[in-house]
N, C-alpha and C. Protein backbone atom coordinates (compact mmCIF):
# COMPACT_ATOMS: atom_id res chain seq x y z
N MET A 1 159.78 129.31 75.13
CA MET A 1 159.61 128.30 76.22
C MET A 1 159.79 126.46 76.24
N LYS A 2 159.05 126.38 75.09
CA LYS A 2 159.59 124.67 74.73
C LYS A 2 160.91 124.64 74.39
N PHE A 3 161.75 125.31 73.56
CA PHE A 3 162.76 125.44 73.86
C PHE A 3 163.77 125.28 74.94
N ILE A 4 163.32 126.47 75.57
CA ILE A 4 163.96 126.25 76.82
C ILE A 4 164.05 125.02 77.84
N ARG A 5 162.49 124.54 77.67
CA ARG A 5 162.31 123.34 78.37
C ARG A 5 162.94 121.93 77.75
N GLN A 6 163.21 121.95 76.36
CA GLN A 6 163.77 121.08 75.93
C GLN A 6 165.71 121.19 75.88
N LYS A 7 165.63 122.40 76.33
CA LYS A 7 167.21 122.43 76.64
C LYS A 7 167.54 122.07 78.16
N ASN A 8 166.81 122.42 79.10
CA ASN A 8 166.85 122.04 80.28
C ASN A 8 167.01 120.20 80.51
N ILE A 9 165.96 119.76 79.86
CA ILE A 9 166.02 118.38 79.58
C ILE A 9 167.08 117.57 78.98
N LEU A 10 167.90 118.32 78.24
CA LEU A 10 168.77 117.65 77.88
C LEU A 10 170.08 117.59 78.40
N GLU A 11 170.07 118.80 79.50
CA GLU A 11 170.94 119.19 80.17
C GLU A 11 171.00 118.26 81.39
N MET A 12 169.63 117.84 81.95
CA MET A 12 169.50 117.12 83.29
C MET A 12 170.42 115.52 82.46
N GLU A 13 169.79 115.12 81.00
CA GLU A 13 169.97 113.84 80.82
C GLU A 13 171.72 113.58 80.50
N SER A 14 172.42 114.73 80.53
CA SER A 14 173.75 114.68 80.24
C SER A 14 174.69 114.50 81.51
N GLU A 15 173.67 114.96 82.96
CA GLU A 15 174.40 115.35 83.88
C GLU A 15 174.20 113.86 84.75
N TYR A 16 172.50 113.31 84.21
CA TYR A 16 172.36 112.15 85.39
C TYR A 16 172.07 110.91 84.59
N THR A 17 172.45 109.67 84.99
CA THR A 17 172.33 108.63 84.28
C THR A 17 170.78 108.22 84.15
N GLU A 18 170.91 107.31 83.10
CA GLU A 18 169.41 106.53 82.51
C GLU A 18 168.55 106.16 83.86
N LYS A 19 169.12 105.83 84.91
CA LYS A 19 168.32 105.33 85.64
C LYS A 19 167.75 106.37 86.32
N VAL A 20 168.58 107.33 86.79
CA VAL A 20 167.76 108.53 87.66
C VAL A 20 166.63 109.46 86.73
N MET A 21 166.86 109.28 85.39
CA MET A 21 166.00 109.68 84.44
C MET A 21 164.97 109.24 84.19
N GLU A 22 164.91 107.80 84.36
CA GLU A 22 163.57 106.92 84.50
C GLU A 22 162.77 107.19 85.75
N HIS A 23 163.73 107.45 86.68
CA HIS A 23 162.68 107.25 88.21
C HIS A 23 162.30 109.05 87.95
N PHE A 24 163.08 109.77 87.66
CA PHE A 24 162.45 111.33 87.43
C PHE A 24 161.13 111.62 86.81
N ASN A 25 161.22 110.82 85.57
CA ASN A 25 160.41 111.13 84.76
C ASN A 25 158.83 110.10 84.83
N ASN A 26 159.40 108.95 85.77
CA ASN A 26 158.27 107.94 86.00
C ASN A 26 158.65 107.27 87.53
N PRO A 27 158.19 108.49 88.12
CA PRO A 27 158.50 108.25 89.94
C PRO A 27 157.15 107.11 90.40
N LYS A 28 157.72 106.35 91.09
CA LYS A 28 157.10 104.89 91.47
C LYS A 28 156.59 105.39 93.30
N ASN A 29 155.29 104.73 93.28
CA ASN A 29 154.67 104.82 94.69
C ASN A 29 154.67 106.41 94.84
N VAL A 30 154.05 107.34 93.94
CA VAL A 30 154.07 108.91 94.32
C VAL A 30 152.62 108.80 94.93
N GLY A 31 152.35 109.45 96.46
CA GLY A 31 150.79 109.47 96.88
C GLY A 31 151.03 109.74 98.15
N GLU A 32 149.79 109.60 98.86
CA GLU A 32 149.80 109.95 100.29
C GLU A 32 148.57 108.72 100.73
N ILE A 33 149.11 108.04 102.04
CA ILE A 33 148.62 106.67 102.99
C ILE A 33 147.54 108.18 103.47
N ARG A 34 146.13 107.74 103.52
CA ARG A 34 145.39 108.43 104.81
C ARG A 34 145.29 107.83 105.86
N ASP A 35 145.51 106.56 105.92
CA ASP A 35 145.46 105.80 107.25
C ASP A 35 146.78 105.16 107.37
N ALA A 36 147.82 105.88 107.16
CA ALA A 36 148.96 105.37 107.81
C ALA A 36 149.49 105.02 108.97
N ASP A 37 150.22 103.93 109.09
CA ASP A 37 150.68 103.35 110.45
C ASP A 37 151.82 104.46 110.88
N GLY A 38 152.63 104.72 109.74
CA GLY A 38 153.70 105.77 110.44
C GLY A 38 153.73 106.95 109.69
N ARG A 39 154.12 108.23 109.62
CA ARG A 39 154.41 109.31 108.91
C ARG A 39 155.85 109.97 109.32
N ALA A 40 156.42 110.26 108.61
CA ALA A 40 157.79 111.86 108.49
C ALA A 40 157.84 112.36 107.80
N ARG A 41 158.93 113.43 108.07
CA ARG A 41 159.25 114.36 106.91
C ARG A 41 160.81 114.29 107.02
N ALA A 42 161.16 114.12 106.01
CA ALA A 42 162.85 114.60 106.24
C ALA A 42 163.10 115.96 105.13
N GLY A 43 164.27 116.70 105.50
CA GLY A 43 164.80 117.29 104.78
C GLY A 43 164.37 119.15 105.31
N ASP A 44 164.89 119.99 104.80
CA ASP A 44 164.59 121.18 105.40
C ASP A 44 163.79 122.02 104.28
N PRO A 45 162.58 122.52 104.76
CA PRO A 45 161.46 123.24 103.44
C PRO A 45 162.29 124.61 103.17
N SER A 46 163.00 125.24 104.11
CA SER A 46 163.62 126.37 104.65
C SER A 46 164.47 126.76 104.00
N CYS A 47 165.12 125.64 103.41
CA CYS A 47 166.45 125.78 102.83
C CYS A 47 167.05 124.74 101.43
N GLY A 48 165.97 123.81 101.26
CA GLY A 48 166.36 122.94 100.44
C GLY A 48 165.24 121.97 100.42
N ASP A 49 165.71 121.08 99.53
CA ASP A 49 164.24 119.41 99.39
C ASP A 49 164.25 119.53 100.79
N PHE A 50 162.78 118.84 100.45
CA PHE A 50 162.37 117.80 101.30
C PHE A 50 161.22 116.93 101.22
N ILE A 51 160.88 115.77 101.64
CA ILE A 51 159.80 115.06 101.32
C ILE A 51 158.82 114.66 102.77
N LEU A 52 158.02 114.32 102.42
CA LEU A 52 156.81 113.59 102.89
C LEU A 52 156.74 112.40 102.92
N VAL A 53 156.69 111.55 103.78
CA VAL A 53 156.81 110.00 103.94
C VAL A 53 155.57 109.33 104.85
N TRP A 54 154.97 108.42 104.01
CA TRP A 54 153.67 107.57 104.77
C TRP A 54 154.03 106.10 104.92
N ILE A 55 153.85 105.01 105.24
CA ILE A 55 154.07 103.89 105.20
C ILE A 55 152.89 103.06 106.03
N LYS A 56 152.41 101.76 105.40
CA LYS A 56 152.00 101.10 106.02
C LYS A 56 152.52 99.84 106.38
N VAL A 57 152.23 99.14 107.56
CA VAL A 57 152.91 98.31 108.25
C VAL A 57 152.30 97.00 108.33
N LYS A 58 153.17 95.83 108.35
CA LYS A 58 152.06 94.52 108.66
C LYS A 58 153.43 93.52 108.70
N ASP A 59 153.09 92.89 110.25
CA ASP A 59 153.93 91.80 110.77
C ASP A 59 155.07 92.70 110.75
N ASP A 60 155.57 93.64 111.17
CA ASP A 60 156.64 94.56 111.28
C ASP A 60 157.45 93.99 109.61
N THR A 61 156.92 94.47 109.06
CA THR A 61 157.04 95.00 107.65
C THR A 61 156.56 96.01 106.52
N VAL A 62 157.29 96.65 105.74
CA VAL A 62 156.93 97.83 105.29
C VAL A 62 156.05 97.10 103.90
N ALA A 63 154.63 97.50 104.40
CA ALA A 63 154.14 96.58 103.29
C ALA A 63 153.70 97.80 101.96
N ASP A 64 153.41 99.03 102.48
CA ASP A 64 153.56 99.98 101.23
C ASP A 64 154.14 101.15 102.09
N PHE A 65 154.49 101.90 100.65
CA PHE A 65 155.15 103.34 100.95
C PHE A 65 155.00 104.26 99.92
N LYS A 66 154.55 105.56 100.36
CA LYS A 66 154.08 106.43 99.51
C LYS A 66 154.74 107.75 99.96
N TYR A 67 154.72 108.74 99.08
CA TYR A 67 155.49 109.98 99.42
C TYR A 67 155.26 111.10 98.74
N LYS A 68 155.94 112.15 98.76
CA LYS A 68 155.56 113.52 98.05
C LYS A 68 156.75 114.12 98.15
N VAL A 69 157.44 114.49 97.34
CA VAL A 69 158.83 115.30 97.13
C VAL A 69 158.72 116.52 96.74
N PHE A 70 159.30 117.87 97.25
CA PHE A 70 159.21 118.86 97.12
C PHE A 70 160.68 119.57 96.70
N GLY A 71 160.98 118.92 95.35
CA GLY A 71 162.51 119.04 95.12
C GLY A 71 163.22 118.87 93.82
N CYS A 72 164.52 118.61 93.80
CA CYS A 72 164.78 118.60 92.61
C CYS A 72 164.82 117.18 91.59
N ALA A 73 165.33 117.22 90.84
CA ALA A 73 165.43 115.89 89.61
C ALA A 73 165.57 114.46 90.64
N ALA A 74 167.25 114.84 91.34
CA ALA A 74 167.68 113.81 92.03
C ALA A 74 167.16 113.51 93.20
N ALA A 75 166.11 114.32 93.85
CA ALA A 75 165.65 114.14 95.17
C ALA A 75 164.36 113.30 95.01
N ILE A 76 163.80 113.40 93.70
CA ILE A 76 162.66 112.57 92.85
C ILE A 76 163.01 111.25 92.99
N ALA A 77 164.14 111.11 92.21
CA ALA A 77 164.55 110.10 91.48
C ALA A 77 164.95 109.03 93.05
N THR A 78 165.60 109.70 93.81
CA THR A 78 166.19 108.87 95.16
C THR A 78 165.01 108.41 96.12
N THR A 79 164.15 109.21 95.96
CA THR A 79 163.04 108.74 96.94
C THR A 79 162.42 107.88 96.18
N SER A 80 162.23 107.65 94.94
CA SER A 80 161.48 106.70 94.01
C SER A 80 161.95 105.15 94.26
N VAL A 81 163.26 105.35 94.24
CA VAL A 81 164.11 104.31 94.41
C VAL A 81 163.91 103.61 95.97
N VAL A 82 163.68 104.75 96.87
CA VAL A 82 163.91 103.87 98.21
C VAL A 82 162.52 103.31 98.45
N SER A 83 161.62 103.81 97.68
CA SER A 83 160.40 103.26 97.70
C SER A 83 160.44 101.84 97.49
N ASP A 84 160.63 102.02 96.39
CA ASP A 84 161.01 100.00 95.47
C ASP A 84 161.64 99.38 96.28
N LEU A 85 162.80 99.86 97.15
CA LEU A 85 163.57 99.13 98.05
C LEU A 85 162.82 98.56 99.20
N ALA A 86 161.89 99.67 99.73
CA ALA A 86 161.64 99.42 100.81
C ALA A 86 160.36 98.18 101.08
N ILE A 87 159.65 98.52 99.86
CA ILE A 87 158.20 97.88 100.04
C ILE A 87 158.50 96.16 100.25
N GLY A 88 158.27 95.59 101.18
CA GLY A 88 158.19 94.06 101.34
C GLY A 88 159.53 93.82 102.23
N LYS A 89 160.26 94.93 102.50
CA LYS A 89 161.35 94.78 103.52
C LYS A 89 160.71 94.82 104.99
N THR A 90 161.30 93.72 105.65
CA THR A 90 161.02 93.87 107.22
C THR A 90 161.98 95.15 107.83
N PHE A 91 161.49 95.26 108.88
CA PHE A 91 162.20 96.44 109.46
C PHE A 91 163.86 96.31 109.47
N GLU A 92 163.87 95.28 110.04
CA GLU A 92 165.21 94.82 110.37
C GLU A 92 166.21 94.95 108.83
N GLN A 93 165.40 94.55 107.84
CA GLN A 93 166.26 94.83 106.66
C GLN A 93 166.27 96.06 105.84
N ALA A 94 165.28 97.01 106.48
CA ALA A 94 164.87 98.69 105.93
C ALA A 94 166.34 99.03 106.78
N ALA A 95 166.52 98.66 107.82
CA ALA A 95 167.80 99.35 108.98
C ALA A 95 169.00 99.34 108.11
N ARG A 96 168.85 98.17 107.20
CA ARG A 96 170.27 97.91 106.53
C ARG A 96 170.42 98.69 105.35
N LEU A 97 169.39 99.26 104.68
CA LEU A 97 169.13 100.40 103.84
C LEU A 97 170.33 101.59 103.68
N THR A 98 170.94 101.93 103.06
CA THR A 98 171.99 103.01 103.29
C THR A 98 171.93 104.07 101.98
N ASP A 99 172.17 105.50 102.00
CA ASP A 99 172.29 106.02 100.64
C ASP A 99 172.99 105.56 99.75
N ASP A 100 173.91 104.87 100.03
CA ASP A 100 174.98 104.14 99.11
C ASP A 100 174.09 103.23 97.93
N ASP A 101 173.31 102.23 98.84
CA ASP A 101 172.63 101.64 97.86
C ASP A 101 171.63 102.12 96.91
N VAL A 102 171.23 103.41 97.25
CA VAL A 102 170.31 103.95 96.09
C VAL A 102 171.28 104.86 95.05
N VAL A 103 172.23 105.15 95.73
CA VAL A 103 173.64 105.62 94.54
C VAL A 103 173.69 104.72 93.61
N THR A 104 173.99 103.38 93.80
CA THR A 104 174.62 102.65 93.30
C THR A 104 173.58 101.91 92.53
N TYR A 105 172.22 101.79 93.03
CA TYR A 105 170.97 101.62 92.11
C TYR A 105 171.02 102.33 91.12
N LEU A 106 170.91 103.53 91.07
CA LEU A 106 170.81 104.75 90.24
C LEU A 106 172.21 104.96 89.39
N GLY A 107 173.32 103.95 89.43
CA GLY A 107 174.41 104.31 88.57
C GLY A 107 175.05 105.34 89.09
N GLY A 108 175.03 106.18 90.36
CA GLY A 108 175.46 106.91 90.43
C GLY A 108 174.84 108.51 90.26
N LEU A 109 175.25 109.47 91.20
CA LEU A 109 174.66 110.89 90.90
C LEU A 109 175.76 111.91 90.95
N PRO A 110 175.66 113.14 90.38
CA PRO A 110 176.80 113.96 90.42
C PRO A 110 177.01 114.41 92.00
N GLU A 111 178.44 114.73 91.94
CA GLU A 111 178.94 114.65 93.60
C GLU A 111 177.96 115.92 94.52
N GLY A 112 177.06 116.95 93.30
CA GLY A 112 176.66 117.70 94.35
C GLY A 112 175.41 117.60 94.64
N LYS A 113 175.21 116.38 94.23
CA LYS A 113 173.33 115.84 94.23
C LYS A 113 173.45 114.58 95.18
N LYS A 114 174.36 114.05 95.58
CA LYS A 114 174.64 113.15 96.52
C LYS A 114 173.78 113.17 97.75
N HIS A 115 173.52 114.50 98.37
CA HIS A 115 173.31 114.64 99.80
C HIS A 115 171.48 114.13 99.44
N CYS A 116 171.18 114.39 98.19
CA CYS A 116 169.51 114.03 98.16
C CYS A 116 169.38 112.19 98.11
N SER A 117 170.04 111.60 98.40
CA SER A 117 169.90 110.24 98.66
C SER A 117 169.86 109.81 99.87
N PHE A 118 170.03 110.71 100.94
CA PHE A 118 169.71 110.35 102.20
C PHE A 118 168.46 111.00 102.38
N LEU A 119 167.91 111.73 101.80
CA LEU A 119 166.27 111.83 102.02
C LEU A 119 165.69 110.97 102.15
N GLY A 120 165.28 110.09 101.33
CA GLY A 120 164.52 108.74 101.36
C GLY A 120 164.93 107.99 102.07
N ILE A 121 165.89 107.75 102.42
CA ILE A 121 166.23 106.65 103.77
C ILE A 121 165.95 107.21 105.05
N LYS A 122 166.40 108.38 105.26
CA LYS A 122 165.73 109.38 106.44
C LYS A 122 164.18 109.03 106.61
N GLY A 123 163.73 108.91 105.70
CA GLY A 123 162.46 109.52 105.78
C GLY A 123 161.94 108.17 106.02
N LEU A 124 162.21 106.89 105.45
CA LEU A 124 161.61 105.71 105.77
C LEU A 124 162.13 105.29 107.14
N GLN A 125 163.32 105.69 107.38
CA GLN A 125 163.66 104.96 109.03
C GLN A 125 162.95 105.83 110.14
N ALA A 126 162.33 107.29 109.91
CA ALA A 126 161.61 107.97 110.46
C ALA A 126 160.19 107.61 110.60
N ALA A 127 159.56 107.30 109.41
CA ALA A 127 158.29 106.77 109.46
C ALA A 127 158.40 105.32 110.50
N ILE A 128 159.45 104.94 110.06
CA ILE A 128 159.23 103.12 110.99
C ILE A 128 159.22 103.58 112.64
N ASP A 129 160.31 104.61 112.88
CA ASP A 129 160.35 104.92 114.14
C ASP A 129 158.89 105.56 114.88
N ASP A 130 158.17 106.44 113.82
CA ASP A 130 156.96 107.15 114.34
C ASP A 130 155.92 106.22 114.66
N TYR A 131 156.04 104.93 113.63
CA TYR A 131 155.52 103.81 114.19
C TYR A 131 155.58 102.84 115.14
N ARG A 132 156.51 102.91 115.51
CA ARG A 132 157.13 101.99 116.72
C ARG A 132 156.62 102.90 118.06
N ILE A 133 156.93 104.33 117.79
CA ILE A 133 156.21 105.08 119.04
C ILE A 133 154.76 105.03 119.06
N ARG A 134 154.09 105.20 118.01
CA ARG A 134 152.86 105.08 118.09
C ARG A 134 152.14 104.13 118.55
N GLU A 135 152.82 102.60 118.48
CA GLU A 135 152.34 101.64 118.83
C GLU A 135 152.93 101.33 120.56
N ASN A 136 154.08 101.68 120.56
CA ASN A 136 154.46 101.43 121.85
C ASN A 136 153.55 102.01 123.12
N TYR A 137 153.21 103.58 122.51
CA TYR A 137 152.39 104.20 123.24
C TYR A 137 150.77 103.60 123.27
N LYS A 138 150.14 103.04 122.63
CA LYS A 138 149.37 102.22 122.29
C LYS A 138 149.13 101.37 123.87
N ARG A 139 150.18 100.58 123.56
CA ARG A 139 150.23 99.42 124.64
C ARG A 139 150.42 100.05 126.08
N PHE A 140 150.98 101.12 126.24
CA PHE A 140 151.25 102.11 127.21
C PHE A 140 150.01 102.47 127.97
N GLU A 141 149.06 102.85 127.15
CA GLU A 141 147.81 103.66 127.48
C GLU A 141 147.06 102.27 127.82
N GLN A 142 146.79 100.98 126.91
CA GLN A 142 146.07 100.03 127.53
C GLN A 142 146.61 99.91 128.98
N ARG A 143 147.93 99.41 128.89
CA ARG A 143 148.32 98.79 130.43
C ARG A 143 147.60 100.19 131.70
N ASN A 144 148.04 101.34 131.40
CA ASN A 144 147.11 102.19 132.48
C ASN A 144 145.91 101.86 132.68
N LYS A 145 144.88 101.65 131.29
CA LYS A 145 143.63 101.77 131.42
C LYS A 145 143.35 100.58 132.33
N LEU A 146 143.74 99.38 132.00
CA LEU A 146 143.88 98.33 132.74
C LEU A 146 143.68 98.35 134.40
N TYR A 147 145.14 99.20 134.76
CA TYR A 147 145.19 99.50 135.87
C TYR A 147 144.38 100.59 136.50
N ARG A 148 143.67 101.31 135.99
CA ARG A 148 142.51 102.24 136.24
C ARG A 148 141.15 101.46 136.87
N LYS A 149 141.17 100.41 135.92
CA LYS A 149 140.09 99.40 136.51
C LYS A 149 140.18 98.70 137.40
N MET A 150 141.31 98.49 137.99
CA MET A 150 141.81 97.88 139.13
C MET A 150 141.85 99.21 140.78
N GLY A 151 141.34 100.26 140.22
CA GLY A 151 141.58 101.20 140.91
C GLY A 151 142.42 101.95 140.93
N TYR A 152 143.52 101.57 140.31
CA TYR A 152 144.80 102.65 140.47
C TYR A 152 145.28 103.41 139.34
N ASP A 153 145.15 104.81 139.66
CA ASP A 153 145.46 105.80 138.30
C ASP A 153 146.96 106.03 138.17
N ILE A 154 147.72 105.51 137.84
CA ILE A 154 149.05 105.54 137.80
C ILE A 154 149.62 107.10 136.84
N PRO A 155 148.99 107.69 136.19
CA PRO A 155 149.40 108.74 135.67
C PRO A 155 149.04 109.64 136.55
N LYS A 156 147.68 109.84 137.11
CA LYS A 156 147.16 110.60 138.25
C LYS A 156 148.02 110.71 139.12
N SER A 157 148.63 109.57 139.78
CA SER A 157 149.27 109.24 140.75
C SER A 157 150.74 110.31 140.65
N CYS A 158 151.30 110.18 139.31
CA CYS A 158 152.49 110.45 139.32
C CYS A 158 152.26 112.18 139.05
N LYS A 159 151.20 112.76 138.55
CA LYS A 159 150.90 114.21 138.70
C LYS A 159 151.09 114.54 140.06
N ASP A 160 150.03 113.90 140.45
CA ASP A 160 150.10 114.30 142.01
C ASP A 160 151.59 114.49 142.38
N ILE A 161 152.33 113.43 142.42
CA ILE A 161 153.85 113.76 143.03
C ILE A 161 154.49 115.16 142.30
N ALA A 162 154.37 115.21 140.82
CA ALA A 162 154.88 116.42 140.42
C ALA A 162 154.59 117.53 140.94
N CYS A 163 153.41 117.56 141.13
CA CYS A 163 152.82 118.98 142.15
C CYS A 163 153.32 119.29 143.18
N ARG A 164 153.98 118.14 144.42
CA ARG A 164 154.21 118.06 145.33
C ARG A 164 155.80 118.32 145.20
N LEU A 165 155.99 118.41 144.29
CA LEU A 165 157.89 118.57 144.02
C LEU A 165 157.83 120.06 143.26
N ASP A 166 156.82 120.84 143.30
CA ASP A 166 156.71 122.34 142.49
C ASP A 166 157.41 123.13 143.40
N ASP A 167 157.73 123.08 144.32
CA ASP A 167 158.49 123.97 145.15
C ASP A 167 160.05 123.80 145.29
N LEU A 168 160.32 122.94 144.46
CA LEU A 168 162.08 122.12 144.44
C LEU A 168 162.95 123.46 144.20
N SER A 169 163.91 123.47 144.72
CA SER A 169 164.97 124.76 144.67
C SER A 169 165.28 124.82 143.22
N GLU A 170 165.69 125.93 142.76
CA GLU A 170 165.92 126.13 141.55
C GLU A 170 167.08 125.05 140.71
N ASN A 171 168.03 124.77 141.50
CA ASN A 171 169.52 123.69 140.93
C ASN A 171 168.82 122.50 141.59
N ALA A 172 167.66 122.31 142.03
CA ALA A 172 167.50 120.73 142.34
C ALA A 172 167.38 119.73 141.04
N ASN A 173 167.47 118.72 141.24
CA ASN A 173 167.29 117.50 139.90
C ASN A 173 167.09 116.26 140.47
N VAL A 174 165.73 115.81 140.57
CA VAL A 174 165.32 114.58 141.11
C VAL A 174 165.99 113.17 140.59
N LEU A 175 166.19 112.09 141.15
CA LEU A 175 166.74 111.08 140.85
C LEU A 175 165.52 110.04 140.78
N GLU A 176 165.25 109.33 139.85
CA GLU A 176 164.53 108.42 139.66
C GLU A 176 164.83 107.12 139.62
N ILE A 177 164.72 106.19 140.92
CA ILE A 177 165.82 104.85 140.41
C ILE A 177 164.38 103.75 140.27
N GLY A 178 164.39 103.21 138.81
CA GLY A 178 163.11 102.35 138.41
C GLY A 178 162.29 102.86 137.54
N SER A 179 162.95 103.44 136.35
CA SER A 179 161.80 104.31 135.52
C SER A 179 160.76 103.45 135.17
N GLY A 180 160.83 102.30 134.76
CA GLY A 180 159.57 101.41 134.27
C GLY A 180 159.36 101.76 133.08
N LYS A 181 158.07 101.95 133.01
CA LYS A 181 157.75 102.51 131.67
C LYS A 181 157.84 103.88 130.75
N GLY A 182 157.88 104.78 132.37
CA GLY A 182 158.28 106.46 132.36
C GLY A 182 156.85 107.29 132.34
N ASN A 183 156.35 106.38 133.30
CA ASN A 183 154.89 107.44 134.16
C ASN A 183 155.56 108.66 134.51
N LEU A 184 156.37 108.34 135.58
CA LEU A 184 156.56 109.12 136.56
C LEU A 184 157.89 110.41 135.89
N ALA A 185 158.55 110.01 134.87
CA ALA A 185 159.66 110.53 134.60
C ALA A 185 158.59 111.53 133.36
N ILE A 186 157.88 111.11 132.94
CA ILE A 186 157.05 111.95 131.47
C ILE A 186 156.16 112.78 132.67
N ALA A 187 155.79 112.76 133.64
CA ALA A 187 154.80 113.59 134.37
C ALA A 187 156.26 114.70 134.93
N LEU A 188 157.01 114.37 135.58
CA LEU A 188 157.94 115.16 135.88
C LEU A 188 158.84 116.37 134.63
N ALA A 189 158.57 115.68 133.62
CA ALA A 189 159.25 116.25 132.85
C ALA A 189 158.15 117.47 132.01
N VAL A 190 157.09 116.94 131.94
CA VAL A 190 156.05 117.74 131.44
C VAL A 190 155.64 118.91 132.17
N ALA A 191 155.88 118.53 133.86
CA ALA A 191 155.68 119.96 134.96
C ALA A 191 157.37 120.50 135.07
N GLY A 192 158.05 120.14 134.09
CA GLY A 192 159.38 121.24 134.24
C GLY A 192 160.46 120.95 134.97
N ILE A 193 160.22 119.58 135.46
CA ILE A 193 160.91 119.61 136.80
C ILE A 193 162.08 118.58 136.26
N PRO A 194 163.77 119.10 136.37
CA PRO A 194 164.80 118.17 135.79
C PRO A 194 164.85 117.01 136.57
N LEU A 195 165.38 115.79 135.75
CA LEU A 195 165.37 114.82 136.82
C LEU A 195 166.21 113.88 135.63
N THR A 196 166.87 112.58 136.53
CA THR A 196 167.77 111.91 136.03
C THR A 196 166.96 110.31 136.39
N SER A 197 166.25 109.70 135.16
CA SER A 197 165.59 108.51 135.37
C SER A 197 166.66 107.18 134.71
N ILE A 198 166.82 106.22 135.53
CA ILE A 198 167.43 105.24 135.54
C ILE A 198 166.56 103.72 135.98
N ASP A 199 167.15 102.85 135.23
CA ASP A 199 166.72 101.38 135.16
C ASP A 199 167.44 100.36 134.69
N ARG A 200 167.40 99.29 135.55
CA ARG A 200 168.52 98.20 135.35
C ARG A 200 167.84 97.55 133.95
N SER A 201 166.79 97.29 133.32
CA SER A 201 165.99 96.90 132.30
C SER A 201 166.30 97.71 131.44
N GLY A 202 167.24 97.36 130.23
CA GLY A 202 166.94 98.38 128.57
C GLY A 202 166.00 98.17 128.35
N GLU A 203 164.84 97.03 128.36
CA GLU A 203 163.95 96.91 127.44
C GLU A 203 163.02 97.98 127.97
N GLU A 204 163.24 98.09 129.56
CA GLU A 204 161.99 99.47 130.09
C GLU A 204 162.46 100.56 129.63
N GLN A 205 163.70 100.91 129.28
CA GLN A 205 164.53 102.10 129.13
C GLN A 205 164.03 102.29 127.99
N LYS A 206 163.82 101.41 126.75
CA LYS A 206 163.80 101.65 125.46
C LYS A 206 162.27 102.17 125.19
N CYS A 207 161.42 101.51 126.23
CA CYS A 207 159.90 101.81 126.36
C CYS A 207 159.64 103.20 126.74
N ALA A 208 160.02 103.61 128.01
CA ALA A 208 159.93 104.49 128.61
C ALA A 208 160.37 105.61 127.65
N ILE A 209 161.35 105.85 126.63
CA ILE A 209 161.85 107.01 125.83
C ILE A 209 161.36 106.81 124.55
N LEU A 210 160.31 105.73 124.32
CA LEU A 210 159.68 105.84 123.26
C LEU A 210 158.36 106.42 123.73
N ASN A 211 157.81 106.09 124.78
CA ASN A 211 156.73 106.76 125.44
C ASN A 211 156.94 108.29 125.63
N ALA A 212 158.26 108.71 126.01
CA ALA A 212 158.36 110.41 126.03
C ALA A 212 158.67 110.94 124.74
N ARG A 213 159.05 110.19 124.06
CA ARG A 213 159.01 110.66 122.49
C ARG A 213 157.77 111.06 121.85
N TYR A 214 156.81 109.96 122.25
CA TYR A 214 155.44 110.26 121.66
C TYR A 214 154.83 111.68 121.86
N LEU A 215 155.24 112.14 123.16
CA LEU A 215 155.00 113.55 123.80
C LEU A 215 155.37 114.76 123.12
C-alpha cells in the first residue's frame, strides 16, 4: 500500500506543476465559518467535484473565505488559490477574478483538469450573491416592518390581491406596472399566478429580483 501511494504521488508530481502540488499538499484557508455572511456550493456531487464555500464580509470586502473540497487534487489546489486571491478583495475586484487567473497563478493545469479552476471562482461569486440577497432581504423586511407600524401591511395586502386573482382563467397572465421592491410580484408568484412585472427604475427591478431569489 505504501508503494502504491508513493507511485501515485510521483505520477501526480509529473502531471502537475510545483505550485499545484504545494496547494494540494498544504491547502490554505480550509474550514467552515459558522456565522458566515454568505454561503454557496459549486459543482455537482452526483457526477464530479464540488465545493462548499463560506465568506465573511466587511465593507463590501471579502474579509474571510473558507471552504471544503470534495474532489481531486486540481479541485483542492485551485480552490486554495481562489481563497488566497479573494481575501481582502472588494466585491468589484473579486468579480474580475477569472479561472484564467487561477490557472496562470498555478503555472498551468493539464487540459483535462482545467474545468476544476471554475469551481473556486463560481463558489466565490455565488457566496457573494448569497450575501447580497440576504442583505437586500433584510432591508426589505425592515421596510415592511416600518410600514406595519404605520398601519399598512404591504405583504398581507399583496396576499389578499393574490387570493382575489385565484379564479383567473388558465391562460391568464397578470401585468404589473411598477414592481417596486417586488411585494406583489412575489405574492403572485408564490400563489402560482403567471405574471409579467415591469418598473422604470433599474434599481427597483434589481431589488425585486434579489428579494424573489431569497425565496
